[in-house]
Structures are given as C-alpha cells and as structure tokens.
C-alpha atoms as a PDB file:
ATOM      1  CA  MET A   1     -15.370   0.996 -32.211  1.00  0.00           C
ATOM      2  CA  ALA A   2     -11.678   1.985 -32.501  1.00  0.00           C
ATOM      3  CA  LYS A   3      -9.583   1.775 -29.289  1.00  0.00           C
ATOM      4  CA  LYS A   4      -8.926   4.900 -27.904  1.00  0.00           C
ATOM      5  CA  GLN A   5      -5.319   6.124 -28.102  1.00  0.00           C
ATOM      6  CA  PHE A   6      -3.571   7.760 -25.277  1.00  0.00           C
ATOM      7  CA  LYS A   7      -0.376  10.203 -25.093  1.00  0.00           C
ATOM      8  CA  ARG A   8       2.516   8.868 -24.159  1.00  0.00           C
ATOM      9  CA  TYR A   9       5.176  11.152 -22.507  1.00  0.00           C
ATOM     10  CA  THR A  10       9.102  10.940 -21.766  1.00  0.00           C
ATOM     11  CA  THR A  11      10.444  12.371 -18.841  1.00  0.00           C
ATOM     12  CA  GLN A  12      13.114  14.056 -21.117  1.00  0.00           C
ATOM     13  CA  ASP A  13      10.040  16.070 -22.443  1.00  0.00           C
ATOM     14  CA  LYS A  14       9.415  17.411 -19.112  1.00  0.00           C
ATOM     15  CA  GLY A  15      13.054  17.911 -18.201  1.00  0.00           C
ATOM     16  CA  VAL A  16      12.751  15.518 -14.912  1.00  0.00           C
ATOM     17  CA  THR A  17      15.252  12.559 -14.709  1.00  0.00           C
ATOM     18  CA  ALA A  18      14.532   9.216 -13.127  1.00  0.00           C
ATOM     19  CA  LYS A  19      16.927   8.633 -10.516  1.00  0.00           C
ATOM     20  CA  LYS A  20      17.735   5.078  -9.697  1.00  0.00           C
ATOM     21  CA  HIS A  21      18.591   5.398  -5.880  1.00  0.00           C
ATOM     22  CA  LEU A  22      15.026   6.560  -5.374  1.00  0.00           C
ATOM     23  CA  GLY A  23      13.861   3.660  -7.340  1.00  0.00           C
ATOM     24  CA  GLN A  24      11.892   5.986  -9.773  1.00  0.00           C
ATOM     25  CA  HIS A  25      10.306   4.603 -13.060  1.00  0.00           C
ATOM     26  CA  PHE A  26       7.880   7.339 -14.133  1.00  0.00           C
ATOM     27  CA  LEU A  27       4.490   6.161 -15.548  1.00  0.00           C
ATOM     28  CA  LYS A  28       3.991   7.601 -19.126  1.00  0.00           C
ATOM     29  CA  ASP A  29       1.022   5.890 -20.306  1.00  0.00           C
ATOM     30  CA  ASP A  30      -2.191   8.159 -19.817  1.00  0.00           C
ATOM     31  CA  GLY A  31      -4.548   5.166 -20.221  1.00  0.00           C
ATOM     32  CA  VAL A  32      -2.707   3.121 -17.466  1.00  0.00           C
ATOM     33  CA  ALA A  33      -2.794   6.566 -15.155  1.00  0.00           C
ATOM     34  CA  MET A  34      -6.499   6.915 -15.953  1.00  0.00           C
ATOM     35  CA  ASP A  35      -7.105   3.142 -14.687  1.00  0.00           C
ATOM     36  CA  ILE A  36      -5.003   3.445 -11.493  1.00  0.00           C
ATOM     37  CA  ALA A  37      -6.952   6.731 -10.539  1.00  0.00           C
ATOM     38  CA  GLY A  38     -10.049   4.482 -11.133  1.00  0.00           C
ATOM     39  CA  SER A  39      -9.152   1.887  -8.650  1.00  0.00           C
ATOM     40  CA  LEU A  40     -10.530   4.149  -5.806  1.00  0.00           C
ATOM     41  CA  SER A  41     -14.417   4.684  -5.040  1.00  0.00           C
ATOM     42  CA  TYR A  42     -13.864   8.159  -3.763  1.00  0.00           C
ATOM     43  CA  LYS A  43     -16.543   7.324  -1.209  1.00  0.00           C
ATOM     44  CA  GLY A  44     -16.311   8.235   2.519  1.00  0.00           C
ATOM     45  CA  TYR A  45     -13.660  10.758   2.192  1.00  0.00           C
ATOM     46  CA  ASP A  46     -12.931  13.936   0.318  1.00  0.00           C
ATOM     47  CA  GLN A  47      -9.004  14.006   0.383  1.00  0.00           C
ATOM     48  CA  VAL A  48      -6.444  11.675  -1.266  1.00  0.00           C
ATOM     49  CA  LEU A  49      -2.737  11.462  -0.369  1.00  0.00           C
ATOM     50  CA  GLU A  50      -0.428  10.688  -3.425  1.00  0.00           C
ATOM     51  CA  VAL A  51       2.808   9.063  -2.697  1.00  0.00           C
ATOM     52  CA  GLY A  52       5.582   9.830  -5.388  1.00  0.00           C
ATOM     53  CA  PRO A  53       3.502  11.592  -7.838  1.00  0.00           C
ATOM     54  CA  GLY A  54       6.630  11.962 -10.327  1.00  0.00           C
ATOM     55  CA  THR A  55       5.617  14.069 -13.187  1.00  0.00           C
ATOM     56  CA  GLY A  56       1.890  13.875 -12.428  1.00  0.00           C
ATOM     57  CA  ILE A  57       0.528  12.087 -14.847  1.00  0.00           C
ATOM     58  CA  LEU A  58      -1.898  10.032 -12.272  1.00  0.00           C
ATOM     59  CA  THR A  59      -2.375  13.438 -10.369  1.00  0.00           C
ATOM     60  CA  LYS A  60      -4.335  15.138 -12.860  1.00  0.00           C
ATOM     61  CA  HIS A  61      -6.782  12.038 -13.209  1.00  0.00           C
ATOM     62  CA  ILE A  62      -7.764  12.306  -9.421  1.00  0.00           C
ATOM     63  CA  LEU A  63      -8.080  15.872  -9.717  1.00  0.00           C
ATOM     64  CA  ARG A  64     -10.330  15.172 -12.400  1.00  0.00           C
ATOM     65  CA  LYS A  65     -12.642  13.248  -9.819  1.00  0.00           C
ATOM     66  CA  GLY A  66     -13.082  16.646  -8.111  1.00  0.00           C
ATOM     67  CA  ILE A  67     -11.223  15.687  -5.243  1.00  0.00           C
ATOM     68  CA  LYS A  68      -8.295  17.319  -3.068  1.00  0.00           C
ATOM     69  CA  VAL A  69      -4.852  15.951  -3.644  1.00  0.00           C
ATOM     70  CA  THR A  70      -1.913  16.234  -1.452  1.00  0.00           C
ATOM     71  CA  ALA A  71       1.041  14.837  -3.488  1.00  0.00           C
ATOM     72  CA  LEU A  72       4.085  13.973  -1.200  1.00  0.00           C
ATOM     73  CA  GLU A  73       7.286  13.996  -3.422  1.00  0.00           C
ATOM     74  CA  PHE A  74      10.744  13.363  -2.177  1.00  0.00           C
ATOM     75  CA  ASP A  75      12.563  14.378  -5.352  1.00  0.00           C
ATOM     76  CA  SER A  76      12.952  18.504  -5.587  1.00  0.00           C
ATOM     77  CA  GLU A  77      13.267  18.081  -9.352  1.00  0.00           C
ATOM     78  CA  SER A  78       9.975  16.273  -9.565  1.00  0.00           C
ATOM     79  CA  VAL A  79       8.505  19.203  -6.932  1.00  0.00           C
ATOM     80  CA  GLU A  80       9.860  21.909  -8.979  1.00  0.00           C
ATOM     81  CA  TYR A  81       8.285  20.495 -12.084  1.00  0.00           C
ATOM     82  CA  LEU A  82       4.886  19.565 -10.720  1.00  0.00           C
ATOM     83  CA  LYS A  83       4.356  23.066  -8.868  1.00  0.00           C
ATOM     84  CA  LEU A  84       5.152  24.714 -12.391  1.00  0.00           C
ATOM     85  CA  SER A  85       3.111  22.165 -14.352  1.00  0.00           C
ATOM     86  CA  PHE A  86       0.250  22.534 -12.405  1.00  0.00           C
ATOM     87  CA  SER A  87       0.133  26.185 -12.380  1.00  0.00           C
ATOM     88  CA  ILE A  88       0.271  26.345 -15.790  1.00  0.00           C
ATOM     89  CA  GLU A  89      -0.591  23.342 -18.018  1.00  0.00           C
ATOM     90  CA  HIS A  90      -3.223  22.004 -15.479  1.00  0.00           C
ATOM     91  CA  ALA A  91      -4.317  25.307 -14.136  1.00  0.00           C
ATOM     92  CA  ASN A  92      -7.765  24.700 -14.750  1.00  0.00           C
ATOM     93  CA  LEU A  93      -7.770  21.521 -12.501  1.00  0.00           C
ATOM     94  CA  VAL A  94      -6.263  23.121  -9.428  1.00  0.00           C
ATOM     95  CA  SER A  95      -6.499  25.673  -6.821  1.00  0.00           C
ATOM     96  CA  ALA A  96      -5.085  26.418  -3.409  1.00  0.00           C
ATOM     97  CA  GLN A  97      -7.799  24.358  -2.091  1.00  0.00           C
ATOM     98  CA  THR A  98      -7.707  21.366  -4.234  1.00  0.00           C
ATOM     99  CA  PHE A  99      -3.893  20.627  -4.612  1.00  0.00           C
ATOM    100  CA  GLN A 100      -0.683  21.156  -2.790  1.00  0.00           C
ATOM    101  CA  VAL A 101       2.763  19.429  -3.137  1.00  0.00           C
ATOM    102  CA  ILE A 102       4.958  18.646  -0.180  1.00  0.00           C
ATOM    103  CA  GLU A 103       8.457  17.725  -0.671  1.00  0.00           C
ATOM    104  CA  THR A 104       9.041  15.397   2.100  1.00  0.00           C
ATOM    105  CA  ASP A 105       9.762  11.314   2.752  1.00  0.00           C
ATOM    106  CA  PHE A 106       6.412   9.770   2.974  1.00  0.00           C
ATOM    107  CA  LEU A 107       7.585   7.112   5.383  1.00  0.00           C
ATOM    108  CA  GLN A 108       9.066  10.010   7.773  1.00  0.00           C
ATOM    109  CA  LYS A 109       6.162  12.354   7.469  1.00  0.00           C
ATOM    110  CA  ASP A 110       3.633  12.784  10.276  1.00  0.00           C
ATOM    111  CA  LEU A 111       0.563  12.194   8.440  1.00  0.00           C
ATOM    112  CA  LYS A 112      -1.223  14.049  11.236  1.00  0.00           C
ATOM    113  CA  GLU A 113       0.365  17.147  10.522  1.00  0.00           C
ATOM    114  CA  ILE A 114      -1.436  17.289   7.167  1.00  0.00           C
ATOM    115  CA  TYR A 115      -4.857  15.646   8.042  1.00  0.00           C
ATOM    116  CA  GLY A 116      -5.465  15.992  11.621  1.00  0.00           C
ATOM    117  CA  ASP A 117      -8.080  13.388  12.422  1.00  0.00           C
ATOM    118  CA  THR A 118      -9.748  13.739   8.807  1.00  0.00           C
ATOM    119  CA  PRO A 119      -9.973  10.652   6.909  1.00  0.00           C
ATOM    120  CA  PHE A 120      -8.109  10.388   3.417  1.00  0.00           C
ATOM    121  CA  ALA A 121      -7.212   7.794   0.668  1.00  0.00           C
ATOM    122  CA  ILE A 122      -3.697   6.772  -0.299  1.00  0.00           C
ATOM    123  CA  ILE A 123      -2.740   6.351  -4.030  1.00  0.00           C
ATOM    124  CA  GLY A 124       0.310   6.135  -6.196  1.00  0.00           C
ATOM    125  CA  ASN A 125       2.837   4.594  -8.633  1.00  0.00           C
ATOM    126  CA  PHE A 126       4.831   3.259  -5.610  1.00  0.00           C
ATOM    127  CA  PRO A 127       8.677   3.269  -5.836  1.00  0.00           C
ATOM    128  CA  TYR A 128       9.541  -0.386  -5.394  1.00  0.00           C
ATOM    129  CA  ASN A 129      12.139   0.005  -2.927  1.00  0.00           C
ATOM    130  CA  ILE A 130       9.647   1.377  -0.191  1.00  0.00           C
ATOM    131  CA  SER A 131       6.106  -0.212  -1.470  1.00  0.00           C
ATOM    132  CA  THR A 132       6.108  -2.922   1.367  1.00  0.00           C
ATOM    133  CA  GLN A 133       6.822   0.010   4.261  1.00  0.00           C
ATOM    134  CA  ILE A 134       4.054   1.948   2.508  1.00  0.00           C
ATOM    135  CA  VAL A 135       1.590  -0.618   3.114  1.00  0.00           C
ATOM    136  CA  PHE A 136       2.896  -0.934   6.674  1.00  0.00           C
ATOM    137  CA  LYS A 137       2.431   2.767   7.597  1.00  0.00           C
ATOM    138  CA  THR A 138      -1.119   2.517   5.884  1.00  0.00           C
ATOM    139  CA  ILE A 139      -2.008  -0.265   8.270  1.00  0.00           C
ATOM    140  CA  GLU A 140      -0.604   1.764  11.308  1.00  0.00           C
ATOM    141  CA  ASN A 141      -2.783   4.601  10.171  1.00  0.00           C
ATOM    142  CA  ARG A 142      -5.877   2.734   9.345  1.00  0.00           C
ATOM    143  CA  ASP A 143      -8.022   4.738  11.574  1.00  0.00           C
ATOM    144  CA  GLN A 144      -7.893   7.288   8.820  1.00  0.00           C
ATOM    145  CA  ILE A 145      -7.416   5.395   5.684  1.00  0.00           C
ATOM    146  CA  PRO A 146     -10.613   3.784   4.456  1.00  0.00           C
ATOM    147  CA  GLU A 147      -9.069   2.862   1.045  1.00  0.00           C
ATOM    148  CA  PHE A 148      -5.757   2.541  -0.770  1.00  0.00           C
ATOM    149  CA  GLY A 149      -4.815   1.901  -4.612  1.00  0.00           C
ATOM    150  CA  GLY A 150      -1.835   1.835  -6.713  1.00  0.00           C
ATOM    151  CA  MET A 151       0.815   0.190  -8.532  1.00  0.00           C
ATOM    152  CA  PHE A 152       3.604  -2.167  -7.071  1.00  0.00           C
ATOM    153  CA  GLN A 153       6.074  -4.658  -8.303  1.00  0.00           C
ATOM    154  CA  LYS A 154       3.879  -7.599  -9.712  1.00  0.00           C
ATOM    155  CA  GLU A 155       5.030 -10.040  -6.885  1.00  0.00           C
ATOM    156  CA  VAL A 156       4.563  -7.796  -4.217  1.00  0.00           C
ATOM    157  CA  ALA A 157       0.950  -6.757  -5.090  1.00  0.00           C
ATOM    158  CA  GLN A 158       0.176 -10.692  -5.290  1.00  0.00           C
ATOM    159  CA  ARG A 159       1.720 -11.370  -2.086  1.00  0.00           C
ATOM    160  CA  ILE A 160      -0.343  -8.544  -0.366  1.00  0.00           C
ATOM    161  CA  CYS A 161      -3.656 -10.219  -1.929  1.00  0.00           C
ATOM    162  CA  ALA A 162      -2.357 -13.830  -1.547  1.00  0.00           C
ATOM    163  CA  LEU A 163      -4.808 -16.221   0.568  1.00  0.00           C
ATOM    164  CA  HIS A 164      -3.572 -19.120   2.861  1.00  0.00           C
ATOM    165  CA  GLY A 165      -2.290 -22.001   1.185  1.00  0.00           C
ATOM    166  CA  SER A 166      -0.442 -19.933  -1.399  1.00  0.00           C
ATOM    167  CA  LYS A 167       3.177 -20.023  -1.604  1.00  0.00           C
ATOM    168  CA  THR A 168       3.270 -16.158  -1.813  1.00  0.00           C
ATOM    169  CA  TYR A 169       1.190 -15.715   1.441  1.00  0.00           C
ATOM    170  CA  GLY A 170       3.129 -14.352   4.299  1.00  0.00           C
ATOM    171  CA  ILE A 171       3.435 -11.545   6.755  1.00  0.00           C
ATOM    172  CA  LEU A 172       2.361  -8.664   4.371  1.00  0.00           C
ATOM    173  CA  SER A 173      -0.875 -10.822   3.346  1.00  0.00           C
ATOM    174  CA  VAL A 174      -1.657 -11.570   7.048  1.00  0.00           C
ATOM    175  CA  LEU A 175      -1.433  -8.155   8.372  1.00  0.00           C
ATOM    176  CA  THR A 176      -2.899  -6.084   5.287  1.00  0.00           C
ATOM    177  CA  GLN A 177      -5.900  -8.420   5.221  1.00  0.00           C
ATOM    178  CA  ALA A 178      -6.507  -8.507   8.778  1.00  0.00           C
ATOM    179  CA  TYR A 179      -7.875  -4.854   8.319  1.00  0.00           C
ATOM    180  CA  TYR A 180      -8.394  -4.770   4.418  1.00  0.00           C
ATOM    181  CA  HIS A 181     -10.316  -6.304   1.750  1.00  0.00           C
ATOM    182  CA  ALA A 182      -7.424  -6.762  -0.793  1.00  0.00           C
ATOM    183  CA  GLU A 183      -7.978  -7.047  -4.463  1.00  0.00           C
ATOM    184  CA  TYR A 184      -5.433  -7.519  -7.265  1.00  0.00           C
ATOM    185  CA  LEU A 185      -6.936  -5.552 -10.309  1.00  0.00           C
ATOM    186  CA  PHE A 186      -4.881  -5.728 -13.275  1.00  0.00           C
ATOM    187  CA  THR A 187      -1.375  -6.249 -14.497  1.00  0.00           C
ATOM    188  CA  VAL A 188       1.142  -3.598 -16.173  1.00  0.00           C
ATOM    189  CA  GLY A 189       3.935  -4.331 -18.627  1.00  0.00           C
ATOM    190  CA  PRO A 190       7.521  -2.385 -18.068  1.00  0.00           C
ATOM    191  CA  GLU A 191       7.064  -0.408 -21.587  1.00  0.00           C
ATOM    192  CA  VAL A 192       4.572   2.114 -20.020  1.00  0.00           C
ATOM    193  CA  PHE A 193       7.445   3.408 -17.809  1.00  0.00           C
ATOM    194  CA  ASP A 194      10.538   5.426 -18.136  1.00  0.00           C
ATOM    195  CA  PRO A 195      12.978   4.113 -17.780  1.00  0.00           C
ATOM    196  CA  PRO A 196      11.227   0.539 -18.176  1.00  0.00           C
ATOM    197  CA  PRO A 197      11.874  -1.787 -15.006  1.00  0.00           C
ATOM    198  CA  ARG A 198      13.096  -5.312 -15.589  1.00  0.00           C
ATOM    199  CA  VAL A 199       9.841  -6.652 -13.960  1.00  0.00           C
ATOM    200  CA  GLU A 200       6.106  -6.464 -14.295  1.00  0.00           C
ATOM    201  CA  SER A 201       3.831  -4.156 -12.109  1.00  0.00           C
ATOM    202  CA  GLY A 202       0.596  -4.955 -10.335  1.00  0.00           C
ATOM    203  CA  VAL A 203      -2.266  -2.515  -9.564  1.00  0.00           C
ATOM    204  CA  LEU A 204      -4.159  -3.573  -6.247  1.00  0.00           C
ATOM    205  CA  ARG A 205      -7.123  -1.966  -4.113  1.00  0.00           C
ATOM    206  CA  LEU A 206      -7.529  -2.239  -0.549  1.00  0.00           C
ATOM    207  CA  GLN A 207     -10.674  -1.363   1.219  1.00  0.00           C
ATOM    208  CA  ARG A 208     -11.067  -1.211   5.004  1.00  0.00           C
ATOM    209  CA  LYS A 209     -13.272  -3.827   6.533  1.00  0.00           C
ATOM    210  CA  GLU A 210     -16.288  -2.535   8.259  1.00  0.00           C
ATOM    211  CA  ASP A 211     -15.193  -4.560  11.387  1.00  0.00           C
ATOM    212  CA  TYR A 212     -11.329  -3.264  11.189  1.00  0.00           C
ATOM    213  CA  ASP A 213     -11.562  -1.774  14.783  1.00  0.00           C
ATOM    214  CA  GLN A 214     -13.069  -4.687  16.371  1.00  0.00           C
ATOM    215  CA  LEU A 215     -10.302  -7.171  16.323  1.00  0.00           C
ATOM    216  CA  SER A 216      -9.845  -9.145  19.367  1.00  0.00           C
ATOM    217  CA  CYS A 217      -5.971  -8.757  19.459  1.00  0.00           C
ATOM    218  CA  SER A 218      -3.596  -5.803  19.151  1.00  0.00           C
ATOM    219  CA  TYR A 219      -1.916  -4.724  16.125  1.00  0.00           C
ATOM    220  CA  ASP A 220       1.449  -4.999  17.683  1.00  0.00           C
ATOM    221  CA  LYS A 221       0.922  -8.605  19.051  1.00  0.00           C
ATOM    222  CA  LEU A 222      -0.651  -9.629  15.834  1.00  0.00           C
ATOM    223  CA  ARG A 223       2.519  -8.337  14.052  1.00  0.00           C
ATOM    224  CA  GLN A 224       5.078 -10.020  16.485  1.00  0.00           C
ATOM    225  CA  VAL A 225       3.166 -13.556  16.340  1.00  0.00           C
ATOM    226  CA  VAL A 226       3.062 -13.401  12.489  1.00  0.00           C
ATOM    227  CA  LYS A 227       6.507 -12.552  12.008  1.00  0.00           C
ATOM    228  CA  LEU A 228       7.780 -15.114  14.456  1.00  0.00           C
ATOM    229  CA  ALA A 229       5.815 -17.678  12.353  1.00  0.00           C
ATOM    230  CA  PHE A 230       7.075 -16.581   9.062  1.00  0.00           C
ATOM    231  CA  GLN A 231      10.629 -16.028   9.697  1.00  0.00           C
ATOM    232  CA  GLN A 232      10.791 -19.788   9.642  1.00  0.00           C
ATOM    233  CA  ARG A 233       8.164 -20.645   7.219  1.00  0.00           C
ATOM    234  CA  ARG A 234       9.287 -24.109   6.588  1.00  0.00           C
ATOM    235  CA  LYS A 235       8.623 -25.202   9.972  1.00  0.00           C
ATOM    236  CA  THR A 236       5.366 -25.613  11.896  1.00  0.00           C
ATOM    237  CA  LEU A 237       3.957 -23.036  14.470  1.00  0.00           C
ATOM    238  CA  ARG A 238       5.209 -25.405  17.259  1.00  0.00           C
ATOM    239  CA  ASN A 239       8.915 -24.829  16.556  1.00  0.00           C
ATOM    240  CA  SER A 240       8.632 -21.121  15.129  1.00  0.00           C
ATOM    241  CA  LEU A 241       6.801 -19.732  18.144  1.00  0.00           C
ATOM    242  CA  LYS A 242       9.092 -21.737  20.600  1.00  0.00           C
ATOM    243  CA  SER A 243      10.341 -18.287  21.865  1.00  0.00           C
ATOM    244  CA  LEU A 244       7.076 -17.390  23.169  1.00  0.00           C
ATOM    245  CA  GLU A 245       7.223 -20.100  25.759  1.00  0.00           C
ATOM    246  CA  LEU A 246       3.438 -21.159  25.119  1.00  0.00           C
ATOM    247  CA  PRO A 247       2.160 -23.913  27.620  1.00  0.00           C
ATOM    248  CA  ASP A 248       2.256 -27.486  26.345  1.00  0.00           C
ATOM    249  CA  GLU A 249      -1.697 -27.846  26.133  1.00  0.00           C
ATOM    250  CA  MET A 250      -2.016 -24.897  23.636  1.00  0.00           C
ATOM    251  CA  ARG A 251       1.297 -26.243  21.783  1.00  0.00           C
ATOM    252  CA  ASP A 252      -0.329 -29.886  21.292  1.00  0.00           C
ATOM    253  CA  ARG A 253      -3.446 -28.632  19.422  1.00  0.00           C
ATOM    254  CA  GLU A 254      -3.469 -29.443  15.615  1.00  0.00           C
ATOM    255  CA  LEU A 255      -2.937 -25.815  14.754  1.00  0.00           C
ATOM    256  CA  PHE A 256       0.573 -26.020  16.068  1.00  0.00           C
ATOM    257  CA  SER A 257       1.302 -28.726  13.768  1.00  0.00           C
ATOM    258  CA  LEU A 258       0.548 -26.597  10.608  1.00  0.00           C
ATOM    259  CA  ARG A 259       3.160 -24.037   8.747  1.00  0.00           C
ATOM    260  CA  PRO A 260       2.209 -20.653   8.703  1.00  0.00           C
ATOM    261  CA  GLU A 261       1.118 -20.615   5.157  1.00  0.00           C
ATOM    262  CA  GLN A 262      -1.487 -22.975   5.914  1.00  0.00           C
ATOM    263  CA  ILE A 263      -3.025 -20.955   8.625  1.00  0.00           C
ATOM    264  CA  SER A 264      -6.009 -18.335   7.618  1.00  0.00           C
ATOM    265  CA  VAL A 265      -5.771 -14.650   8.460  1.00  0.00           C
ATOM    266  CA  ALA A 266      -8.876 -15.396  11.093  1.00  0.00           C
ATOM    267  CA  ASP A 267      -7.096 -18.112  12.629  1.00  0.00           C
ATOM    268  CA  PHE A 268      -3.862 -15.912  13.212  1.00  0.00           C
ATOM    269  CA  VAL A 269      -6.153 -13.416  14.903  1.00  0.00           C
ATOM    270  CA  THR A 270      -7.895 -16.028  17.058  1.00  0.00           C
ATOM    271  CA  LEU A 271      -4.271 -17.261  18.170  1.00  0.00           C
ATOM    272  CA  THR A 272      -2.901 -14.114  18.907  1.00  0.00           C
ATOM    273  CA  THR A 273      -6.086 -13.186  20.985  1.00  0.00           C
ATOM    274  CA  GLU A 274      -5.456 -16.237  23.228  1.00  0.00           C
ATOM    275  CA  ILE A 275      -1.383 -15.641  23.339  1.00  0.00           C
ATOM    276  CA  GLU A 276      -2.283 -11.766  24.417  1.00  0.00           C
ATOM    277  CA  SER A 277      -4.728 -12.921  26.716  1.00  0.00           C
ATOM    278  CA  LEU A 278      -2.673 -15.509  28.320  1.00  0.00           C
ATOM    279  CA  GLU A 279       0.377 -13.195  28.699  1.00  0.00           C
ATOM    280  CA  SER A 280      -1.722 -10.465  30.337  1.00  0.00           C
ATOM    281  CA  SER A 281      -3.212 -13.019  32.929  1.00  0.00           C
ATOM    282  CA  GLU A 282       0.411 -13.963  33.753  1.00  0.00           C
ATOM    283  CA  SER A 283       1.548 -10.449  34.369  1.00  0.00           C
END
C-alpha cells in the first residue's frame, strides 16, 4: 500500500511570519502534526491546553479527537490568523464550547483563571527558548495535569527522559520523573518546519504517576537538593551539598561518594526526605 501523502504548508501562504525573538518554527507537515496529537491518550480529562499553536496545524487534529482546546498564543499575528481560520476554514470542527484562543504568555498566565480546579492536558510544538520553563510550570501544576505531550529540541526531550547513569541525566530528568512517567516517542527533522531550525526535534509524552501526590518530600525541597547537586555535577554529593551543613554521619554514607548523575530519582527523593526531616527536627 502506498504511503499516505500529507499536505505541507508555508507560513507565507497563511500570511503569518515566524519571529526569531519568539523562537518560532512553524510546523508545516500534517502527518507529523497528526502523530503529535496522537501522543496523548485523552483519558481522564476533557480539555487540552495547547501552548504556542502558531498556525493551528496541530490544533485541528486535537479538535478532531472531540476534545475542548484552549490555545495560548503570545504572537498577535498568529492569534488573528487562528481566530479567522478556525471560524471559516475549520468551522466544522469548532464552537464556542470547543475552542478558544487567548493572546497571552503561557509562563505568566495563571492557569486557574482558565480551568479552576478542572484537570487538563498540555500539548504543543514548544518554542525552544522556553521549553524547559514549560515543563517546570507543568510540574508545579501537576495536580491538574495528568498528561503532557509535545515537541522539544531533541537534546532537551532526551534530557527529560534520561535515566540515571546517563550523561544527559540532570535536574530536568529528576524533577520530571519524580511525578511523571517520561517516554521519548520519535525524532523529527528540521525540514518539516518553516523556517527550519538548525537542530533535530524530539516528541515525548509525560503521564502522571498514580502515586505522584504521595512523595515523602516536598517539591520545593527536592528542587533545592537536586539543583545543588547538579550545579557541580562532576563533584560528589559530599562536596556539592556542603552548604546544607549535613551531619557527618549522613555525609559519610556511600551515597555521598557518588556524583549526581549516578543517583536515581527514588534515591534523590529518599535523601531529600531525610534532609527535610532533619531540618524540621532542628527548627
């Protein structure tokens, strides 16, 4: 059977210009957009937040899943195009109840203003320059976000999904995987974007762990310990966590002779729990 051919669009056809200062690289391959939309299960929620929809190539495939989409877009030119396009070209897919575009910065937006306490998923072809911040904001709102899917610069996607022992394992890996199962799905070449980036991209999926809310330590403390550890990733924990002034009997343990990349997510959680408990007893 011949491989199905998908349309490719250019931003010039749509009257939308990619802006370098916003890190925009518009996806133009319909098949890739369909695959990204398919990265989510659409189970356990009925609303999806799309970050940076651009010209809406991914948006239409999400709407075809029969789910409500709220698109957050910072670029006013894209906002104008999306509102016009989805009221005319894709009018059969949308209604006031299924689709809205909000001109705003995702990183600055209070998501409670949109969803209250309702659960929702996040998806997008994420701007490279804010992609890690998008993940951190997702973790901070984990109570409402059971699932997350989208496209990153390949190296960032691999870092998020990396296991301990890998050179790419780091702060982003530990903090994400403490609360979510992370899966690298597929690689995307630069030719499917307009303009094409100089790097490859990677699509991943995050699915929240069933026991995500039962961690024995707080997120704030885990973030502090992990950041301290990886700020000097070539040093052992004994040196990198010096500023915490931990007792000698703790620092003498074998774990403290390891570098941070050798320590699993579970061991970071256990260690942080001990440190938090110690600090609580001293206060």
